[in-house]
Each structure stands twice: as C-alpha cells, then as structure tokens.
Amino acid sequence: MIPMLTLSIPGDDVAALLMGAFLIHGLTPGPLIFFEHTETIYAIFAGFLITDLFLLGIAKLGFRFFVKVASLRRYYIFPV
C-alpha cells in the first residue's frame, strides 16, 4: 500500500486493483493524494487500525484453541 499511495507503483495484484478503483473514483495515487484527499487517506489508515485491533482480539481469544489444534497428530491435520 505504501508504494502504491506514495509513488503510484502497485506492489501486488491487490494493490493494482485498488489503484484501479481509486482511478475510477477520481483519486490519483501519488504524493499529492495526501494533500488533495486527506480524509480518504485518514479513512484508509483508520480502517487498517481497526482491522489490526480486530485481528488482535481474534488472536487473543483463539490462542488456546489454536494451540490445541496445532498439537494434534499429523494424520488428523493433513486431510483437513
């Protein structure tokens, strides 16, 4: 996301699709996007922060379950 937003160079296919969506909606990625569309950039960063907090909660709540699944024998895990 950082190279796509700052230099207009997508790093992978998902960033290229997101860049295409930005262009369809009239947002041109590059250094000026931080000055011209600050509210959109803040919304993207806020979304990243909220997503990270949700992932932290899922990891904390599911840690014991993940440990139990990882301690199963291989012949139970591999077919799944």
PDB file of N, CA and C in Angstrom:
ATOM      1  N   MET A   1       0.806  -1.197   0.000  1.00  0.00           N
ATOM      2  CA  MET A   1       0.000   0.000   0.000  1.00  0.00           C
ATOM      3  C   MET A   1       0.854   1.268   0.000  1.00  0.00           C
ATOM      4  N   ILE A   2       1.971   1.257   0.699  1.00  0.00           N
ATOM      5  CA  ILE A   2       2.786   2.474   0.782  1.00  0.00           C
ATOM      6  C   ILE A   2       3.349   2.863  -0.594  1.00  0.00           C
ATOM      7  N   PRO A   3       3.963   1.923  -1.357  1.00  0.00           N
ATOM      8  CA  PRO A   3       4.427   2.332  -2.693  1.00  0.00           C
ATOM      9  C   PRO A   3       3.288   2.752  -3.615  1.00  0.00           C
ATOM     10  N   MET A   4       2.131   2.124  -3.463  1.00  0.00           N
ATOM     11  CA  MET A   4       1.010   2.479  -4.326  1.00  0.00           C
ATOM     12  C   MET A   4       0.501   3.887  -4.010  1.00  0.00           C
ATOM     13  N   LEU A   5       0.388   4.223  -2.742  1.00  0.00           N
ATOM     14  CA  LEU A   5      -0.123   5.539  -2.384  1.00  0.00           C
ATOM     15  C   LEU A   5       0.894   6.651  -2.636  1.00  0.00           C
ATOM     16  N   THR A   6       2.168   6.385  -2.374  1.00  0.00           N
ATOM     17  CA  THR A   6       3.157   7.461  -2.469  1.00  0.00           C
ATOM     18  C   THR A   6       3.764   7.601  -3.856  1.00  0.00           C
ATOM     19  N   LEU A   7       4.018   6.479  -4.550  1.00  0.00           N
ATOM     20  CA  LEU A   7       4.725   6.531  -5.830  1.00  0.00           C
ATOM     21  C   LEU A   7       3.888   6.099  -7.033  1.00  0.00           C
ATOM     22  N   SER A   8       2.646   5.697  -6.794  1.00  0.00           N
ATOM     23  CA  SER A   8       1.760   5.176  -7.844  1.00  0.00           C
ATOM     24  C   SER A   8       2.303   3.908  -8.477  1.00  0.00           C
ATOM     25  N   ILE A   9       3.000   3.092  -7.695  1.00  0.00           N
ATOM     26  CA  ILE A   9       3.537   1.820  -8.164  1.00  0.00           C
ATOM     27  C   ILE A   9       2.882   0.713  -7.338  1.00  0.00           C
ATOM     28  N   PRO A  10       1.974  -0.069  -7.951  1.00  0.00           N
ATOM     29  CA  PRO A  10       1.347  -1.143  -7.170  1.00  0.00           C
ATOM     30  C   PRO A  10       2.345  -2.255  -6.880  1.00  0.00           C
ATOM     31  N   GLY A  11       2.355  -2.728  -5.644  1.00  0.00           N
ATOM     32  CA  GLY A  11       3.298  -3.759  -5.240  1.00  0.00           C
ATOM     33  C   GLY A  11       2.829  -5.166  -5.555  1.00  0.00           C
ATOM     34  N   ASP A  12       1.528  -5.377  -5.660  1.00  0.00           N
ATOM     35  CA  ASP A  12       0.987  -6.691  -5.986  1.00  0.00           C
ATOM     36  C   ASP A  12      -0.338  -6.506  -6.710  1.00  0.00           C
ATOM     37  N   ASP A  13      -1.013  -7.634  -7.021  1.00  0.00           N
ATOM     38  CA  ASP A  13      -2.250  -7.522  -7.796  1.00  0.00           C
ATOM     39  C   ASP A  13      -3.376  -6.868  -7.013  1.00  0.00           C
ATOM     40  N   VAL A  14      -3.421  -7.071  -5.709  1.00  0.00           N
ATOM     41  CA  VAL A  14      -4.476  -6.449  -4.909  1.00  0.00           C
ATOM     42  C   VAL A  14      -4.303  -4.933  -4.903  1.00  0.00           C
ATOM     43  N   ALA A  15      -3.069  -4.481  -4.771  1.00  0.00           N
ATOM     44  CA  ALA A  15      -2.808  -3.039  -4.804  1.00  0.00           C
ATOM     45  C   ALA A  15      -3.116  -2.468  -6.188  1.00  0.00           C
ATOM     46  N   ALA A  16      -2.867  -3.255  -7.253  1.00  0.00           N
ATOM     47  CA  ALA A  16      -3.198  -2.793  -8.606  1.00  0.00           C
ATOM     48  C   ALA A  16      -4.707  -2.657  -8.776  1.00  0.00           C
ATOM     49  N   LEU A  17      -5.474  -3.601  -8.231  1.00  0.00           N
ATOM     50  CA  LEU A  17      -6.935  -3.488  -8.293  1.00  0.00           C
ATOM     51  C   LEU A  17      -7.432  -2.295  -7.490  1.00  0.00           C
ATOM     52  N   LEU A  18      -6.842  -2.086  -6.335  1.00  0.00           N
ATOM     53  CA  LEU A  18      -7.214  -0.934  -5.516  1.00  0.00           C
ATOM     54  C   LEU A  18      -6.852   0.375  -6.211  1.00  0.00           C
ATOM     55  N   MET A  19      -5.722   0.386  -6.892  1.00  0.00           N
ATOM     56  CA  MET A  19      -5.319   1.572  -7.641  1.00  0.00           C
ATOM     57  C   MET A  19      -6.301   1.842  -8.780  1.00  0.00           C
ATOM     58  N   GLY A  20      -6.743   0.782  -9.449  1.00  0.00           N
ATOM     59  CA  GLY A  20      -7.760   0.943 -10.488  1.00  0.00           C
ATOM     60  C   GLY A  20      -9.064   1.489  -9.929  1.00  0.00           C
ATOM     61  N   ALA A  21      -9.455   0.997  -8.747  1.00  0.00           N
ATOM     62  CA  ALA A  21     -10.669   1.515  -8.103  1.00  0.00           C
ATOM     63  C   ALA A  21     -10.505   2.982  -7.730  1.00  0.00           C
ATOM     64  N   PHE A  22      -9.327   3.352  -7.260  1.00  0.00           N
ATOM     65  CA  PHE A  22      -9.070   4.765  -6.956  1.00  0.00           C
ATOM     66  C   PHE A  22      -9.210   5.618  -8.207  1.00  0.00           C
ATOM     67  N   LEU A  23      -8.641   5.147  -9.308  1.00  0.00           N
ATOM     68  CA  LEU A  23      -8.693   5.917 -10.549  1.00  0.00           C
ATOM     69  C   LEU A  23     -10.121   6.038 -11.069  1.00  0.00           C
ATOM     70  N   ILE A  24     -10.924   4.994 -10.913  1.00  0.00           N
ATOM     71  CA  ILE A  24     -12.320   5.064 -11.340  1.00  0.00           C
ATOM     72  C   ILE A  24     -13.075   6.134 -10.549  1.00  0.00           C
ATOM     73  N   HIS A  25     -12.753   6.270  -9.270  1.00  0.00           N
ATOM     74  CA  HIS A  25     -13.431   7.238  -8.411  1.00  0.00           C
ATOM     75  C   HIS A  25     -12.769   8.623  -8.427  1.00  0.00           C
ATOM     76  N   GLY A  26     -11.776   8.807  -9.285  1.00  0.00           N
ATOM     77  CA  GLY A  26     -11.171  10.128  -9.433  1.00  0.00           C
ATOM     78  C   GLY A  26     -10.037  10.429  -8.479  1.00  0.00           C
ATOM     79  N   LEU A  27      -9.520   9.428  -7.786  1.00  0.00           N
ATOM     80  CA  LEU A  27      -8.380   9.625  -6.887  1.00  0.00           C
ATOM     81  C   LEU A  27      -7.124   9.144  -7.600  1.00  0.00           C
ATOM     82  N   THR A  28      -6.183  10.021  -7.820  1.00  0.00           N
ATOM     83  CA  THR A  28      -4.936   9.643  -8.472  1.00  0.00           C
ATOM     84  C   THR A  28      -3.879   9.391  -7.408  1.00  0.00           C
ATOM     85  N   PRO A  29      -3.444   8.121  -7.243  1.00  0.00           N
ATOM     86  CA  PRO A  29      -2.402   7.836  -6.249  1.00  0.00           C
ATOM     87  C   PRO A  29      -1.102   8.534  -6.610  1.00  0.00           C
ATOM     88  N   GLY A  30      -0.408   8.977  -5.625  1.00  0.00           N
ATOM     89  CA  GLY A  30       0.855   9.685  -5.795  1.00  0.00           C
ATOM     90  C   GLY A  30       1.085  10.567  -4.588  1.00  0.00           C
ATOM     91  N   PRO A  31       2.153  11.352  -4.623  1.00  0.00           N
ATOM     92  CA  PRO A  31       2.469  12.187  -3.460  1.00  0.00           C
ATOM     93  C   PRO A  31       1.398  13.233  -3.140  1.00  0.00           C
ATOM     94  N   LEU A  32       0.673  13.686  -4.144  1.00  0.00           N
ATOM     95  CA  LEU A  32      -0.321  14.733  -3.904  1.00  0.00           C
ATOM     96  C   LEU A  32      -1.615  14.214  -3.295  1.00  0.00           C
ATOM     97  N   ILE A  33      -1.817  12.909  -3.269  1.00  0.00           N
ATOM     98  CA  ILE A  33      -3.061  12.368  -2.696  1.00  0.00           C
ATOM     99  C   ILE A  33      -3.171  12.696  -1.207  1.00  0.00           C
ATOM    100  N   PHE A  34      -2.035  12.849  -0.540  1.00  0.00           N
ATOM    101  CA  PHE A  34      -2.049  13.164   0.888  1.00  0.00           C
ATOM    102  C   PHE A  34      -2.507  14.596   1.150  1.00  0.00           C
ATOM    103  N   PHE A  35      -2.388  15.467   0.166  1.00  0.00           N
ATOM    104  CA  PHE A  35      -2.821  16.855   0.318  1.00  0.00           C
ATOM    105  C   PHE A  35      -4.200  17.094  -0.274  1.00  0.00           C
ATOM    106  N   GLU A  36      -4.502  16.395  -1.385  1.00  0.00           N
ATOM    107  CA  GLU A  36      -5.775  16.628  -2.072  1.00  0.00           C
ATOM    108  C   GLU A  36      -6.934  15.852  -1.454  1.00  0.00           C
ATOM    109  N   HIS A  37      -6.676  14.660  -0.940  1.00  0.00           N
ATOM    110  CA  HIS A  37      -7.738  13.800  -0.420  1.00  0.00           C
ATOM    111  C   HIS A  37      -7.339  13.258   0.955  1.00  0.00           C
ATOM    112  N   THR A  38      -7.096  14.158   1.871  1.00  0.00           N
ATOM    113  CA  THR A  38      -6.634  13.738   3.200  1.00  0.00           C
ATOM    114  C   THR A  38      -7.675  12.914   3.947  1.00  0.00           C
ATOM    115  N   GLU A  39      -8.955  13.243   3.785  1.00  0.00           N
ATOM    116  CA  GLU A  39      -9.986  12.498   4.512  1.00  0.00           C
ATOM    117  C   GLU A  39     -10.053  11.041   4.039  1.00  0.00           C
ATOM    118  N   THR A  40      -9.804  10.806   2.762  1.00  0.00           N
ATOM    119  CA  THR A  40      -9.797   9.430   2.251  1.00  0.00           C
ATOM    120  C   THR A  40      -8.602   8.660   2.797  1.00  0.00           C
ATOM    121  N   ILE A  41      -7.454   9.278   2.845  1.00  0.00           N
ATOM    122  CA  ILE A  41      -6.254   8.627   3.366  1.00  0.00           C
ATOM    123  C   ILE A  41      -6.410   8.337   4.857  1.00  0.00           C
ATOM    124  N   TYR A  42      -6.983   9.285   5.598  1.00  0.00           N
ATOM    125  CA  TYR A  42      -7.234   9.049   7.023  1.00  0.00           C
ATOM    126  C   TYR A  42      -8.218   7.900   7.224  1.00  0.00           C
ATOM    127  N   ALA A  43      -9.218   7.804   6.363  1.00  0.00           N
ATOM    128  CA  ALA A  43     -10.183   6.703   6.461  1.00  0.00           C
ATOM    129  C   ALA A  43      -9.510   5.361   6.178  1.00  0.00           C
ATOM    130  N   ILE A  44      -8.601   5.319   5.217  1.00  0.00           N
ATOM    131  CA  ILE A  44      -7.866   4.083   4.910  1.00  0.00           C
ATOM    132  C   ILE A  44      -7.006   3.679   6.109  1.00  0.00           C
ATOM    133  N   PHE A  45      -6.278   4.637   6.677  1.00  0.00           N
ATOM    134  CA  PHE A  45      -5.425   4.329   7.823  1.00  0.00           C
ATOM    135  C   PHE A  45      -6.253   3.929   9.042  1.00  0.00           C
ATOM    136  N   ALA A  46      -7.412   4.566   9.244  1.00  0.00           N
ATOM    137  CA  ALA A  46      -8.287   4.193  10.353  1.00  0.00           C
ATOM    138  C   ALA A  46      -8.818   2.775  10.144  1.00  0.00           C
ATOM    139  N   GLY A  47      -9.129   2.425   8.910  1.00  0.00           N
ATOM    140  CA  GLY A  47      -9.560   1.057   8.611  1.00  0.00           C
ATOM    141  C   GLY A  47      -8.478   0.047   8.916  1.00  0.00           C
ATOM    142  N   PHE A  48      -7.234   0.379   8.593  1.00  0.00           N
ATOM    143  CA  PHE A  48      -6.116  -0.508   8.928  1.00  0.00           C
ATOM    144  C   PHE A  48      -5.991  -0.680  10.441  1.00  0.00           C
ATOM    145  N   LEU A  49      -6.132   0.394  11.173  1.00  0.00           N
ATOM    146  CA  LEU A  49      -6.024   0.332  12.632  1.00  0.00           C
ATOM    147  C   LEU A  49      -7.144  -0.516  13.234  1.00  0.00           C
ATOM    148  N   ILE A  50      -8.361  -0.317  12.768  1.00  0.00           N
ATOM    149  CA  ILE A  50      -9.494  -1.103  13.277  1.00  0.00           C
ATOM    150  C   ILE A  50      -9.318  -2.577  12.931  1.00  0.00           C
ATOM    151  N   THR A  51      -8.851  -2.864  11.727  1.00  0.00           N
ATOM    152  CA  THR A  51      -8.605  -4.248  11.330  1.00  0.00           C
ATOM    153  C   THR A  51      -7.546  -4.888  12.209  1.00  0.00           C
ATOM    154  N   ASP A  52      -6.478  -4.160  12.493  1.00  0.00           N
ATOM    155  CA  ASP A  52      -5.436  -4.700  13.371  1.00  0.00           C
ATOM    156  C   ASP A  52      -5.966  -4.984  14.771  1.00  0.00           C
ATOM    157  N   LEU A  53      -6.824  -4.126  15.283  1.00  0.00           N
ATOM    158  CA  LEU A  53      -7.398  -4.364  16.609  1.00  0.00           C
ATOM    159  C   LEU A  53      -8.304  -5.594  16.609  1.00  0.00           C
ATOM    160  N   PHE A  54      -9.095  -5.776  15.560  1.00  0.00           N
ATOM    161  CA  PHE A  54      -9.923  -6.979  15.458  1.00  0.00           C
ATOM    162  C   PHE A  54      -9.061  -8.234  15.379  1.00  0.00           C
ATOM    163  N   LEU A  55      -7.992  -8.187  14.590  1.00  0.00           N
ATOM    164  CA  LEU A  55      -7.112  -9.350  14.484  1.00  0.00           C
ATOM    165  C   LEU A  55      -6.430  -9.652  15.817  1.00  0.00           C
ATOM    166  N   LEU A  56      -6.081  -8.622  16.565  1.00  0.00           N
ATOM    167  CA  LEU A  56      -5.508  -8.834  17.890  1.00  0.00           C
ATOM    168  C   LEU A  56      -6.510  -9.527  18.806  1.00  0.00           C
ATOM    169  N   GLY A  57      -7.765  -9.087  18.776  1.00  0.00           N
ATOM    170  CA  GLY A  57      -8.793  -9.716  19.591  1.00  0.00           C
ATOM    171  C   GLY A  57      -9.039 -11.164  19.205  1.00  0.00           C
ATOM    172  N   ILE A  58      -9.081 -11.450  17.907  1.00  0.00           N
ATOM    173  CA  ILE A  58      -9.274 -12.820  17.452  1.00  0.00           C
ATOM    174  C   ILE A  58      -8.106 -13.691  17.875  1.00  0.00           C
ATOM    175  N   ALA A  59      -6.903 -13.168  17.768  1.00  0.00           N
ATOM    176  CA  ALA A  59      -5.718 -13.948  18.154  1.00  0.00           C
ATOM    177  C   ALA A  59      -5.708 -14.217  19.658  1.00  0.00           C
ATOM    178  N   LYS A  60      -6.063 -13.215  20.448  1.00  0.00           N
ATOM    179  CA  LYS A  60      -6.069 -13.416  21.910  1.00  0.00           C
ATOM    180  C   LYS A  60      -7.148 -14.401  22.338  1.00  0.00           C
ATOM    181  N   LEU A  61      -8.338 -14.302  21.739  1.00  0.00           N
ATOM    182  CA  LEU A  61      -9.428 -15.193  22.120  1.00  0.00           C
ATOM    183  C   LEU A  61      -9.219 -16.620  21.614  1.00  0.00           C
ATOM    184  N   GLY A  62      -8.596 -16.771  20.465  1.00  0.00           N
ATOM    185  CA  GLY A  62      -8.447 -18.094  19.887  1.00  0.00           C
ATOM    186  C   GLY A  62      -7.119 -18.759  20.134  1.00  0.00           C
ATOM    187  N   PHE A  63      -6.268 -18.158  20.956  1.00  0.00           N
ATOM    188  CA  PHE A  63      -4.912 -18.690  21.138  1.00  0.00           C
ATOM    189  C   PHE A  63      -4.924 -20.109  21.697  1.00  0.00           C
ATOM    190  N   ARG A  64      -5.716 -20.369  22.715  1.00  0.00           N
ATOM    191  CA  ARG A  64      -5.740 -21.714  23.314  1.00  0.00           C
ATOM    192  C   ARG A  64      -6.277 -22.737  22.323  1.00  0.00           C
ATOM    193  N   PHE A  65      -7.288 -22.357  21.551  1.00  0.00           N
ATOM    194  CA  PHE A  65      -7.818 -23.262  20.531  1.00  0.00           C
ATOM    195  C   PHE A  65      -6.768 -23.553  19.468  1.00  0.00           C
ATOM    196  N   PHE A  66      -6.035 -22.530  19.034  1.00  0.00           N
ATOM    197  CA  PHE A  66      -5.009 -22.722  18.012  1.00  0.00           C
ATOM    198  C   PHE A  66      -3.900 -23.637  18.514  1.00  0.00           C
ATOM    199  N   VAL A  67      -3.557 -23.518  19.789  1.00  0.00           N
ATOM    200  CA  VAL A  67      -2.523 -24.389  20.366  1.00  0.00           C
ATOM    201  C   VAL A  67      -3.003 -25.834  20.385  1.00  0.00           C
ATOM    202  N   LYS A  68      -4.279 -26.058  20.741  1.00  0.00           N
ATOM    203  CA  LYS A  68      -4.811 -27.421  20.754  1.00  0.00           C
ATOM    204  C   LYS A  68      -4.861 -28.019  19.359  1.00  0.00           C
ATOM    205  N   VAL A  69      -5.230 -27.227  18.380  1.00  0.00           N
ATOM    206  CA  VAL A  69      -5.267 -27.725  17.003  1.00  0.00           C
ATOM    207  C   VAL A  69      -3.857 -28.044  16.526  1.00  0.00           C
ATOM    208  N   ALA A  70      -2.895 -27.216  16.877  1.00  0.00           N
ATOM    209  CA  ALA A  70      -1.514 -27.448  16.441  1.00  0.00           C
ATOM    210  C   ALA A  70      -0.899 -28.656  17.129  1.00  0.00           C
ATOM    211  N   SER A  71      -1.421 -29.063  18.289  1.00  0.00           N
ATOM    212  CA  SER A  71      -0.841 -30.209  18.995  1.00  0.00           C
ATOM    213  C   SER A  71      -1.458 -31.538  18.559  1.00  0.00           C
ATOM    214  N   LEU A  72      -2.428 -31.520  17.649  1.00  0.00           N
ATOM    215  CA  LEU A  72      -2.992 -32.767  17.137  1.00  0.00           C
ATOM    216  C   LEU A  72      -1.965 -33.512  16.290  1.00  0.00           C
ATOM    217  N   ARG A  73      -2.196 -34.802  16.129  1.00  0.00           N
ATOM    218  CA  ARG A  73      -1.276 -35.598  15.315  1.00  0.00           C
ATOM    219  C   ARG A  73      -1.408 -35.218  13.847  1.00  0.00           C
ATOM    220  N   ARG A  74      -0.344 -35.464  13.111  1.00  0.00           N
ATOM    221  CA  ARG A  74      -0.302 -35.065  11.706  1.00  0.00           C
ATOM    222  C   ARG A  74      -1.359 -35.762  10.860  1.00  0.00           C
ATOM    223  N   TYR A  75      -1.643 -37.011  11.139  1.00  0.00           N
ATOM    224  CA  TYR A  75      -2.600 -37.704  10.280  1.00  0.00           C
ATOM    225  C   TYR A  75      -4.035 -37.238  10.517  1.00  0.00           C
ATOM    226  N   TYR A  76      -4.281 -36.415  11.536  1.00  0.00           N
ATOM    227  CA  TYR A  76      -5.579 -35.758  11.672  1.00  0.00           C
ATOM    228  C   TYR A  76      -5.591 -34.395  10.982  1.00  0.00           C
ATOM    229  N   ILE A  77      -4.475 -33.719  11.017  1.00  0.00           N
ATOM    230  CA  ILE A  77      -4.409 -32.352  10.484  1.00  0.00           C
ATOM    231  C   ILE A  77      -4.289 -32.350   8.964  1.00  0.00           C
ATOM    232  N   PHE A  78      -3.470 -33.218   8.384  1.00  0.00           N
ATOM    233  CA  PHE A  78      -3.203 -33.155   6.944  1.00  0.00           C
ATOM    234  C   PHE A  78      -4.445 -33.326   6.069  1.00  0.00           C
ATOM    235  N   PRO A  79      -5.368 -34.231   6.361  1.00  0.00           N
ATOM    236  CA  PRO A  79      -6.548 -34.309   5.482  1.00  0.00           C
ATOM    237  C   PRO A  79      -7.445 -33.074   5.555  1.00  0.00           C
ATOM    238  N   VAL A  80      -7.411 -32.385   6.687  1.00  0.00           N
ATOM    239  CA  VAL A  80      -8.251 -31.199   6.836  1.00  0.00           C
ATOM    240  C   VAL A  80      -7.659 -30.069   6.016  1.00  0.00           C
TER     241      VAL A  80
END
